[in-house]
Amino acid sequence: MIRHIQTLCIGVGDGACYALSLIKVAERFLGRDLDALRSISEATEKKITVDGKETKIIKFNWATPTDSEAMYVNSPAGFLRMLTGRNWTVRREDAAYKSANPKEYVINSWGISNAEGAPRHFTFDTDDTLYKSPLRTNGKLISVRVCRLED
C-alpha cells in the first residue's frame, strides 16, 4: 500500500490538478492508463536535479496537506520522464497558443485573474479532474503549458 495514503489523498484532492494533467499527457502518449495516486506518491520521493540543485519531482508538505501550496510540481518534464521513460520539455505559452505539432500536448491553465500567484486550475483537453471547477466555470483560460516530446 502507498505510504500515508490518506494524507496523500487529501493533498491530491486539494491541489494535484497539474500533476494529474501531466499524468493524462503520459497516458495519452503511452496509450494506457496509469495509477495516478501511485505515480504522485513515487514523485514525492524521487529526486531530480533542476538548475544544478537536487529536489524532489513533486514537493508535498505531509504536515499540512490541505494548505493550498502543499503540493507543487518542481519538475513537470522530470515527472513526464519518470512516467514515460522519455525526455520532455515543458514551457508556458499565452492562452492563444495553438499547437500543430504532433509531439506537443497542451495543458490549459484556468483562473479568475492574470495576477502572479493567483489560484489556477489545470486541465488536459476536455478532461477536468474536478467536477464543476469554479476556476474553470467562472474563470477564463489564462495560459497553457506545452509538453513536448524530445527526439
N, C-alpha and C. Protein backbone atom coordinates (compact mmCIF):
# COMPACT_ATOMS: atom_id res chain seq x y z
N MET A 1 0.85 -1.18 0.00
CA MET A 1 0.00 0.00 0.00
C MET A 1 0.89 1.24 0.00
N ILE A 2 0.38 2.31 -0.56
CA ILE A 2 1.10 3.59 -0.60
C ILE A 2 1.24 4.13 0.82
N ARG A 3 2.46 4.56 1.15
CA ARG A 3 2.74 5.12 2.48
C ARG A 3 1.91 6.38 2.71
N HIS A 4 1.27 6.49 3.86
CA HIS A 4 0.46 7.65 4.25
C HIS A 4 -0.60 7.99 3.19
N ILE A 5 -1.27 6.98 2.69
CA ILE A 5 -2.20 7.16 1.57
C ILE A 5 -3.32 8.16 1.86
N GLN A 6 -3.85 8.18 3.07
CA GLN A 6 -4.94 9.10 3.38
C GLN A 6 -4.47 10.55 3.32
N THR A 7 -3.29 10.82 3.86
CA THR A 7 -2.74 12.17 3.82
C THR A 7 -2.47 12.59 2.38
N LEU A 8 -1.94 11.66 1.59
CA LEU A 8 -1.68 11.95 0.18
C LEU A 8 -2.99 12.24 -0.55
N CYS A 9 -4.03 11.49 -0.27
CA CYS A 9 -5.33 11.71 -0.91
C CYS A 9 -5.88 13.10 -0.60
N ILE A 10 -5.70 13.57 0.61
CA ILE A 10 -6.16 14.92 0.97
C ILE A 10 -5.45 15.94 0.10
N GLY A 11 -4.14 15.82 -0.02
CA GLY A 11 -3.36 16.75 -0.83
C GLY A 11 -3.68 16.67 -2.30
N VAL A 12 -3.88 15.46 -2.80
CA VAL A 12 -4.24 15.27 -4.20
C VAL A 12 -5.59 15.92 -4.47
N GLY A 13 -6.53 15.73 -3.56
CA GLY A 13 -7.85 16.33 -3.73
C GLY A 13 -7.81 17.84 -3.72
N ASP A 14 -6.88 18.40 -2.97
CA ASP A 14 -6.79 19.85 -2.85
C ASP A 14 -5.95 20.52 -3.94
N GLY A 15 -4.89 19.88 -4.41
CA GLY A 15 -4.01 20.63 -5.28
C GLY A 15 -3.20 19.87 -6.29
N ALA A 16 -3.72 18.79 -6.81
CA ALA A 16 -2.92 17.98 -7.73
C ALA A 16 -3.35 18.10 -9.19
N CYS A 17 -4.12 19.13 -9.54
CA CYS A 17 -4.65 19.20 -10.90
C CYS A 17 -3.55 19.25 -11.96
N TYR A 18 -2.44 19.94 -11.67
CA TYR A 18 -1.35 19.99 -12.66
C TYR A 18 -0.69 18.61 -12.78
N ALA A 19 -0.39 17.98 -11.65
CA ALA A 19 0.20 16.64 -11.68
C ALA A 19 -0.73 15.66 -12.40
N LEU A 20 -2.03 15.74 -12.13
CA LEU A 20 -2.98 14.83 -12.77
C LEU A 20 -3.08 15.11 -14.28
N SER A 21 -2.97 16.37 -14.68
CA SER A 21 -2.97 16.70 -16.11
C SER A 21 -1.71 16.15 -16.79
N LEU A 22 -0.58 16.23 -16.11
CA LEU A 22 0.65 15.64 -16.65
C LEU A 22 0.52 14.12 -16.79
N ILE A 23 -0.13 13.50 -15.83
CA ILE A 23 -0.39 12.05 -15.92
C ILE A 23 -1.26 11.75 -17.14
N LYS A 24 -2.26 12.59 -17.39
CA LYS A 24 -3.12 12.41 -18.57
C LYS A 24 -2.31 12.52 -19.86
N VAL A 25 -1.35 13.45 -19.90
CA VAL A 25 -0.46 13.57 -21.06
C VAL A 25 0.31 12.26 -21.24
N ALA A 26 0.89 11.75 -20.15
CA ALA A 26 1.64 10.49 -20.22
C ALA A 26 0.75 9.34 -20.68
N GLU A 27 -0.47 9.29 -20.17
CA GLU A 27 -1.40 8.23 -20.58
C GLU A 27 -1.71 8.31 -22.07
N ARG A 28 -1.94 9.52 -22.56
CA ARG A 28 -2.22 9.69 -23.99
C ARG A 28 -1.01 9.22 -24.81
N PHE A 29 0.18 9.62 -24.38
CA PHE A 29 1.39 9.21 -25.10
C PHE A 29 1.58 7.69 -25.06
N LEU A 30 1.41 7.10 -23.89
CA LEU A 30 1.63 5.66 -23.72
C LEU A 30 0.50 4.80 -24.27
N GLY A 31 -0.70 5.38 -24.38
CA GLY A 31 -1.85 4.62 -24.86
C GLY A 31 -2.42 3.68 -23.81
N ARG A 32 -2.19 4.00 -22.53
CA ARG A 32 -2.73 3.17 -21.44
C ARG A 32 -2.90 4.02 -20.19
N ASP A 33 -3.74 3.52 -19.28
CA ASP A 33 -3.96 4.20 -18.01
C ASP A 33 -2.80 3.97 -17.06
N LEU A 34 -2.55 4.96 -16.20
CA LEU A 34 -1.55 4.84 -15.15
C LEU A 34 -2.23 4.95 -13.80
N ASP A 35 -1.60 4.44 -12.78
CA ASP A 35 -2.09 4.57 -11.41
C ASP A 35 -1.68 5.95 -10.91
N ALA A 36 -2.61 6.90 -10.94
CA ALA A 36 -2.31 8.30 -10.63
C ALA A 36 -1.79 8.48 -9.21
N LEU A 37 -2.43 7.88 -8.26
CA LEU A 37 -2.02 8.06 -6.87
C LEU A 37 -0.62 7.49 -6.63
N ARG A 38 -0.36 6.33 -7.17
CA ARG A 38 0.96 5.72 -7.01
C ARG A 38 2.01 6.57 -7.74
N SER A 39 1.69 7.10 -8.91
CA SER A 39 2.62 7.94 -9.66
C SER A 39 2.98 9.19 -8.87
N ILE A 40 1.99 9.84 -8.29
CA ILE A 40 2.24 11.05 -7.49
C ILE A 40 3.05 10.68 -6.25
N SER A 41 2.69 9.59 -5.60
CA SER A 41 3.42 9.15 -4.41
C SER A 41 4.90 8.94 -4.73
N GLU A 42 5.18 8.24 -5.82
CA GLU A 42 6.58 7.99 -6.21
C GLU A 42 7.32 9.29 -6.51
N ALA A 43 6.63 10.25 -7.14
CA ALA A 43 7.27 11.52 -7.50
C ALA A 43 7.56 12.38 -6.27
N THR A 44 6.84 12.15 -5.16
CA THR A 44 7.15 12.90 -3.93
C THR A 44 8.40 12.36 -3.25
N GLU A 45 8.84 11.18 -3.65
CA GLU A 45 10.03 10.56 -3.08
C GLU A 45 11.25 10.67 -4.00
N LYS A 46 11.00 10.68 -5.30
CA LYS A 46 12.09 10.63 -6.28
C LYS A 46 12.75 12.00 -6.45
N LYS A 47 14.08 12.01 -6.40
CA LYS A 47 14.82 13.26 -6.55
C LYS A 47 15.34 13.41 -7.98
N ILE A 48 15.49 14.67 -8.38
CA ILE A 48 15.97 15.01 -9.70
C ILE A 48 16.80 16.28 -9.56
N THR A 49 17.71 16.52 -10.48
CA THR A 49 18.50 17.75 -10.44
C THR A 49 17.85 18.78 -11.36
N VAL A 50 17.50 19.93 -10.79
CA VAL A 50 16.90 21.04 -11.54
C VAL A 50 17.75 22.28 -11.29
N ASP A 51 18.24 22.89 -12.37
CA ASP A 51 19.10 24.08 -12.26
C ASP A 51 20.26 23.86 -11.29
N GLY A 52 20.86 22.68 -11.35
CA GLY A 52 22.02 22.38 -10.53
C GLY A 52 21.73 22.01 -9.09
N LYS A 53 20.44 21.99 -8.71
CA LYS A 53 20.07 21.64 -7.33
C LYS A 53 19.22 20.37 -7.33
N GLU A 54 19.51 19.51 -6.35
CA GLU A 54 18.72 18.29 -6.20
C GLU A 54 17.41 18.62 -5.49
N THR A 55 16.30 18.17 -6.06
CA THR A 55 14.98 18.42 -5.49
C THR A 55 14.08 17.24 -5.82
N LYS A 56 12.99 17.13 -5.11
CA LYS A 56 12.01 16.08 -5.42
C LYS A 56 11.18 16.53 -6.62
N ILE A 57 10.75 15.57 -7.43
CA ILE A 57 9.97 15.90 -8.62
C ILE A 57 8.70 16.65 -8.22
N ILE A 58 8.02 16.15 -7.19
CA ILE A 58 6.84 16.83 -6.64
C ILE A 58 7.09 17.12 -5.18
N LYS A 59 6.96 18.39 -4.82
CA LYS A 59 7.07 18.78 -3.41
C LYS A 59 5.71 18.53 -2.76
N PHE A 60 5.73 17.88 -1.62
CA PHE A 60 4.48 17.64 -0.89
C PHE A 60 4.71 17.89 0.59
N ASN A 61 3.90 18.74 1.18
CA ASN A 61 4.02 19.04 2.60
C ASN A 61 3.11 18.08 3.36
N TRP A 62 3.71 17.03 3.89
CA TRP A 62 2.95 15.99 4.59
C TRP A 62 2.29 16.53 5.86
N ALA A 63 2.86 17.55 6.48
CA ALA A 63 2.32 18.08 7.74
C ALA A 63 1.04 18.89 7.53
N THR A 64 0.91 19.55 6.38
CA THR A 64 -0.28 20.37 6.12
C THR A 64 -0.81 20.12 4.71
N PRO A 65 -1.38 18.94 4.47
CA PRO A 65 -1.81 18.60 3.11
C PRO A 65 -2.97 19.44 2.59
N THR A 66 -3.69 20.13 3.45
CA THR A 66 -4.81 20.95 2.98
C THR A 66 -4.39 22.38 2.65
N ASP A 67 -3.13 22.72 2.91
CA ASP A 67 -2.60 24.02 2.54
C ASP A 67 -2.63 24.14 1.02
N SER A 68 -3.02 25.31 0.51
CA SER A 68 -3.12 25.49 -0.95
C SER A 68 -1.78 25.31 -1.65
N GLU A 69 -0.70 25.39 -0.92
CA GLU A 69 0.63 25.21 -1.52
C GLU A 69 1.30 23.92 -1.04
N ALA A 70 0.50 22.97 -0.57
CA ALA A 70 1.06 21.71 -0.04
C ALA A 70 1.69 20.85 -1.14
N MET A 71 1.19 20.96 -2.36
CA MET A 71 1.71 20.14 -3.46
C MET A 71 2.15 21.05 -4.59
N TYR A 72 3.37 20.81 -5.10
CA TYR A 72 3.90 21.62 -6.19
C TYR A 72 4.77 20.73 -7.07
N VAL A 73 4.53 20.79 -8.38
CA VAL A 73 5.35 20.01 -9.32
C VAL A 73 6.62 20.82 -9.61
N ASN A 74 7.72 20.41 -8.98
CA ASN A 74 9.00 21.09 -9.18
C ASN A 74 9.55 20.90 -10.59
N SER A 75 9.30 19.74 -11.17
CA SER A 75 9.84 19.42 -12.49
C SER A 75 8.79 18.69 -13.34
N PRO A 76 7.98 19.46 -14.08
CA PRO A 76 6.99 18.81 -14.95
C PRO A 76 7.66 17.87 -15.97
N ALA A 77 8.78 18.32 -16.55
CA ALA A 77 9.47 17.48 -17.53
C ALA A 77 10.03 16.23 -16.86
N GLY A 78 10.54 16.37 -15.64
CA GLY A 78 11.05 15.23 -14.89
C GLY A 78 9.94 14.24 -14.55
N PHE A 79 8.76 14.76 -14.22
CA PHE A 79 7.62 13.90 -13.92
C PHE A 79 7.22 13.10 -15.16
N LEU A 80 7.14 13.79 -16.31
CA LEU A 80 6.81 13.08 -17.55
C LEU A 80 7.87 12.04 -17.90
N ARG A 81 9.14 12.36 -17.66
CA ARG A 81 10.21 11.40 -17.91
C ARG A 81 10.05 10.18 -16.99
N MET A 82 9.72 10.43 -15.71
CA MET A 82 9.51 9.34 -14.77
C MET A 82 8.36 8.44 -15.24
N LEU A 83 7.30 9.04 -15.76
CA LEU A 83 6.11 8.29 -16.17
C LEU A 83 6.28 7.54 -17.49
N THR A 84 7.04 8.13 -18.42
CA THR A 84 7.11 7.57 -19.78
C THR A 84 8.46 6.97 -20.15
N GLY A 85 9.51 7.32 -19.42
CA GLY A 85 10.84 6.86 -19.78
C GLY A 85 11.46 7.64 -20.94
N ARG A 86 10.80 8.71 -21.37
CA ARG A 86 11.29 9.54 -22.48
C ARG A 86 11.56 10.96 -21.99
N ASN A 87 12.36 11.71 -22.73
CA ASN A 87 12.67 13.10 -22.37
C ASN A 87 11.63 14.07 -22.92
N TRP A 88 11.31 15.06 -22.10
CA TRP A 88 10.30 16.07 -22.43
C TRP A 88 10.82 17.45 -22.07
N THR A 89 10.22 18.46 -22.71
CA THR A 89 10.36 19.84 -22.26
C THR A 89 8.95 20.33 -21.96
N VAL A 90 8.85 21.24 -21.01
CA VAL A 90 7.55 21.84 -20.69
C VAL A 90 7.77 23.35 -20.60
N ARG A 91 6.95 24.09 -21.31
CA ARG A 91 7.07 25.54 -21.31
C ARG A 91 5.70 26.19 -21.19
N ARG A 92 5.69 27.43 -20.74
CA ARG A 92 4.46 28.21 -20.61
C ARG A 92 4.28 29.05 -21.86
N GLU A 93 3.05 29.12 -22.36
CA GLU A 93 2.70 29.97 -23.50
C GLU A 93 1.41 30.73 -23.18
N ASP A 94 1.14 31.76 -23.97
CA ASP A 94 -0.10 32.52 -23.80
C ASP A 94 -1.31 31.65 -24.12
N ALA A 95 -2.47 32.07 -23.65
CA ALA A 95 -3.71 31.31 -23.84
C ALA A 95 -4.05 31.09 -25.31
N ALA A 96 -3.63 31.98 -26.17
CA ALA A 96 -3.95 31.88 -27.60
C ALA A 96 -3.13 30.83 -28.34
N TYR A 97 -2.14 30.24 -27.69
CA TYR A 97 -1.25 29.27 -28.35
C TYR A 97 -2.04 28.06 -28.84
N LYS A 98 -1.79 27.71 -30.10
CA LYS A 98 -2.39 26.51 -30.70
C LYS A 98 -1.26 25.69 -31.30
N SER A 99 -1.19 24.44 -30.96
CA SER A 99 -0.12 23.57 -31.44
C SER A 99 -0.58 22.75 -32.63
N ALA A 100 0.28 22.68 -33.63
CA ALA A 100 0.05 21.80 -34.77
C ALA A 100 1.08 20.68 -34.78
N ASN A 101 1.91 20.63 -33.76
CA ASN A 101 2.98 19.65 -33.67
C ASN A 101 2.47 18.39 -32.98
N PRO A 102 2.53 17.24 -33.64
CA PRO A 102 2.03 16.00 -33.00
C PRO A 102 2.84 15.56 -31.78
N LYS A 103 4.04 16.14 -31.58
CA LYS A 103 4.85 15.81 -30.41
C LYS A 103 4.52 16.71 -29.22
N GLU A 104 3.56 17.61 -29.38
CA GLU A 104 3.20 18.54 -28.30
C GLU A 104 1.82 18.20 -27.74
N TYR A 105 1.73 18.31 -26.43
CA TYR A 105 0.48 18.11 -25.69
C TYR A 105 0.26 19.39 -24.88
N VAL A 106 -0.96 19.95 -24.96
CA VAL A 106 -1.21 21.25 -24.33
C VAL A 106 -2.12 21.09 -23.12
N ILE A 107 -1.65 21.62 -21.98
CA ILE A 107 -2.42 21.64 -20.73
C ILE A 107 -2.92 23.07 -20.53
N ASN A 108 -4.19 23.21 -20.22
CA ASN A 108 -4.81 24.53 -20.02
C ASN A 108 -4.71 24.97 -18.57
N SER A 109 -4.46 26.27 -18.37
CA SER A 109 -4.41 26.86 -17.03
C SER A 109 -5.54 27.87 -16.92
N TRP A 110 -6.49 27.59 -16.03
CA TRP A 110 -7.68 28.41 -15.84
C TRP A 110 -7.56 29.25 -14.57
N GLY A 111 -8.19 30.42 -14.58
CA GLY A 111 -8.19 31.26 -13.40
C GLY A 111 -9.13 32.44 -13.55
N ILE A 112 -9.27 33.19 -12.48
CA ILE A 112 -10.10 34.39 -12.48
C ILE A 112 -9.26 35.60 -12.85
N SER A 113 -8.00 35.59 -12.41
CA SER A 113 -7.12 36.74 -12.56
C SER A 113 -5.79 36.32 -13.19
N ASN A 114 -5.19 37.26 -13.94
CA ASN A 114 -3.86 37.02 -14.52
C ASN A 114 -2.74 37.27 -13.52
N ALA A 115 -3.06 37.76 -12.34
CA ALA A 115 -2.05 38.15 -11.35
C ALA A 115 -1.16 36.96 -10.98
N GLU A 116 0.13 37.25 -10.83
CA GLU A 116 1.09 36.22 -10.40
C GLU A 116 0.67 35.66 -9.04
N GLY A 117 0.65 34.36 -8.91
CA GLY A 117 0.29 33.73 -7.65
C GLY A 117 -1.21 33.53 -7.45
N ALA A 118 -2.02 34.02 -8.39
CA ALA A 118 -3.48 33.82 -8.27
C ALA A 118 -3.80 32.34 -8.45
N PRO A 119 -4.86 31.86 -7.82
CA PRO A 119 -5.22 30.43 -7.94
C PRO A 119 -5.42 30.00 -9.39
N ARG A 120 -4.98 28.80 -9.69
CA ARG A 120 -5.11 28.21 -11.02
C ARG A 120 -5.69 26.81 -10.93
N HIS A 121 -6.32 26.41 -12.01
CA HIS A 121 -6.78 25.03 -12.15
C HIS A 121 -6.35 24.57 -13.53
N PHE A 122 -5.72 23.38 -13.59
CA PHE A 122 -5.19 22.86 -14.85
C PHE A 122 -6.06 21.72 -15.37
N THR A 123 -6.22 21.70 -16.70
CA THR A 123 -6.96 20.62 -17.36
C THR A 123 -6.21 20.20 -18.62
N PHE A 124 -6.41 18.96 -19.01
CA PHE A 124 -5.86 18.46 -20.27
C PHE A 124 -7.03 18.09 -21.16
N ASP A 125 -7.05 18.67 -22.36
CA ASP A 125 -8.16 18.50 -23.31
C ASP A 125 -9.47 18.88 -22.62
N THR A 126 -10.46 18.05 -22.77
CA THR A 126 -11.76 18.32 -22.14
C THR A 126 -11.88 17.61 -20.80
N ASP A 127 -10.82 16.92 -20.40
CA ASP A 127 -10.85 16.16 -19.15
C ASP A 127 -10.54 17.06 -17.96
N ASP A 128 -11.50 17.22 -17.07
CA ASP A 128 -11.32 18.02 -15.87
C ASP A 128 -11.34 17.09 -14.68
N THR A 129 -10.30 17.15 -13.85
CA THR A 129 -10.20 16.25 -12.70
C THR A 129 -11.12 16.67 -11.56
N LEU A 130 -11.71 17.85 -11.66
CA LEU A 130 -12.69 18.31 -10.67
C LEU A 130 -14.07 18.37 -11.31
N TYR A 131 -15.07 18.02 -10.57
CA TYR A 131 -16.44 18.17 -11.05
C TYR A 131 -16.83 19.63 -10.87
N LYS A 132 -17.11 20.31 -11.96
CA LYS A 132 -17.53 21.73 -11.95
C LYS A 132 -16.53 22.62 -11.20
N SER A 133 -15.31 22.65 -11.68
CA SER A 133 -14.29 23.51 -11.10
C SER A 133 -14.70 24.98 -11.20
N PRO A 134 -14.78 25.71 -10.08
CA PRO A 134 -15.18 27.12 -10.15
C PRO A 134 -14.20 27.98 -10.94
N LEU A 135 -12.91 27.64 -10.92
CA LEU A 135 -11.94 28.42 -11.68
C LEU A 135 -12.12 28.21 -13.18
N ARG A 136 -12.59 27.06 -13.58
CA ARG A 136 -12.85 26.82 -15.00
C ARG A 136 -14.23 27.35 -15.38
N THR A 137 -15.22 27.11 -14.53
CA THR A 137 -16.59 27.54 -14.83
C THR A 137 -16.73 29.06 -14.82
N ASN A 138 -16.14 29.71 -13.81
CA ASN A 138 -16.31 31.16 -13.65
C ASN A 138 -15.11 31.97 -14.14
N GLY A 139 -14.05 31.29 -14.50
CA GLY A 139 -12.84 31.99 -14.90
C GLY A 139 -12.64 31.97 -16.40
N LYS A 140 -11.38 32.10 -16.78
CA LYS A 140 -11.03 32.12 -18.20
C LYS A 140 -9.70 31.39 -18.38
N LEU A 141 -9.41 31.05 -19.61
CA LEU A 141 -8.13 30.43 -19.93
C LEU A 141 -7.06 31.50 -19.79
N ILE A 142 -6.11 31.28 -18.88
CA ILE A 142 -5.07 32.27 -18.58
C ILE A 142 -3.81 32.02 -19.41
N SER A 143 -3.42 30.75 -19.52
CA SER A 143 -2.21 30.37 -20.24
C SER A 143 -2.27 28.88 -20.50
N VAL A 144 -1.24 28.37 -21.16
CA VAL A 144 -1.14 26.92 -21.38
C VAL A 144 0.27 26.47 -21.05
N ARG A 145 0.42 25.18 -20.76
CA ARG A 145 1.72 24.56 -20.60
C ARG A 145 1.86 23.59 -21.76
N VAL A 146 2.93 23.73 -22.50
CA VAL A 146 3.16 22.91 -23.68
C VAL A 146 4.19 21.84 -23.34
N CYS A 147 3.75 20.60 -23.38
CA CYS A 147 4.61 19.45 -23.10
C CYS A 147 5.05 18.89 -24.44
N ARG A 148 6.36 18.92 -24.67
CA ARG A 148 6.88 18.48 -25.96
C ARG A 148 7.82 17.29 -25.78
N LEU A 149 7.52 16.23 -26.50
CA LEU A 149 8.37 15.04 -26.52
C LEU A 149 9.65 15.35 -27.27
N GLU A 150 10.78 15.07 -26.65
CA GLU A 150 12.07 15.31 -27.29
C GLU A 150 12.45 14.09 -28.12
N ASP A 151 13.24 14.31 -29.14
CA ASP A 151 13.67 13.21 -30.01
C ASP A 151 14.69 12.33 -29.34
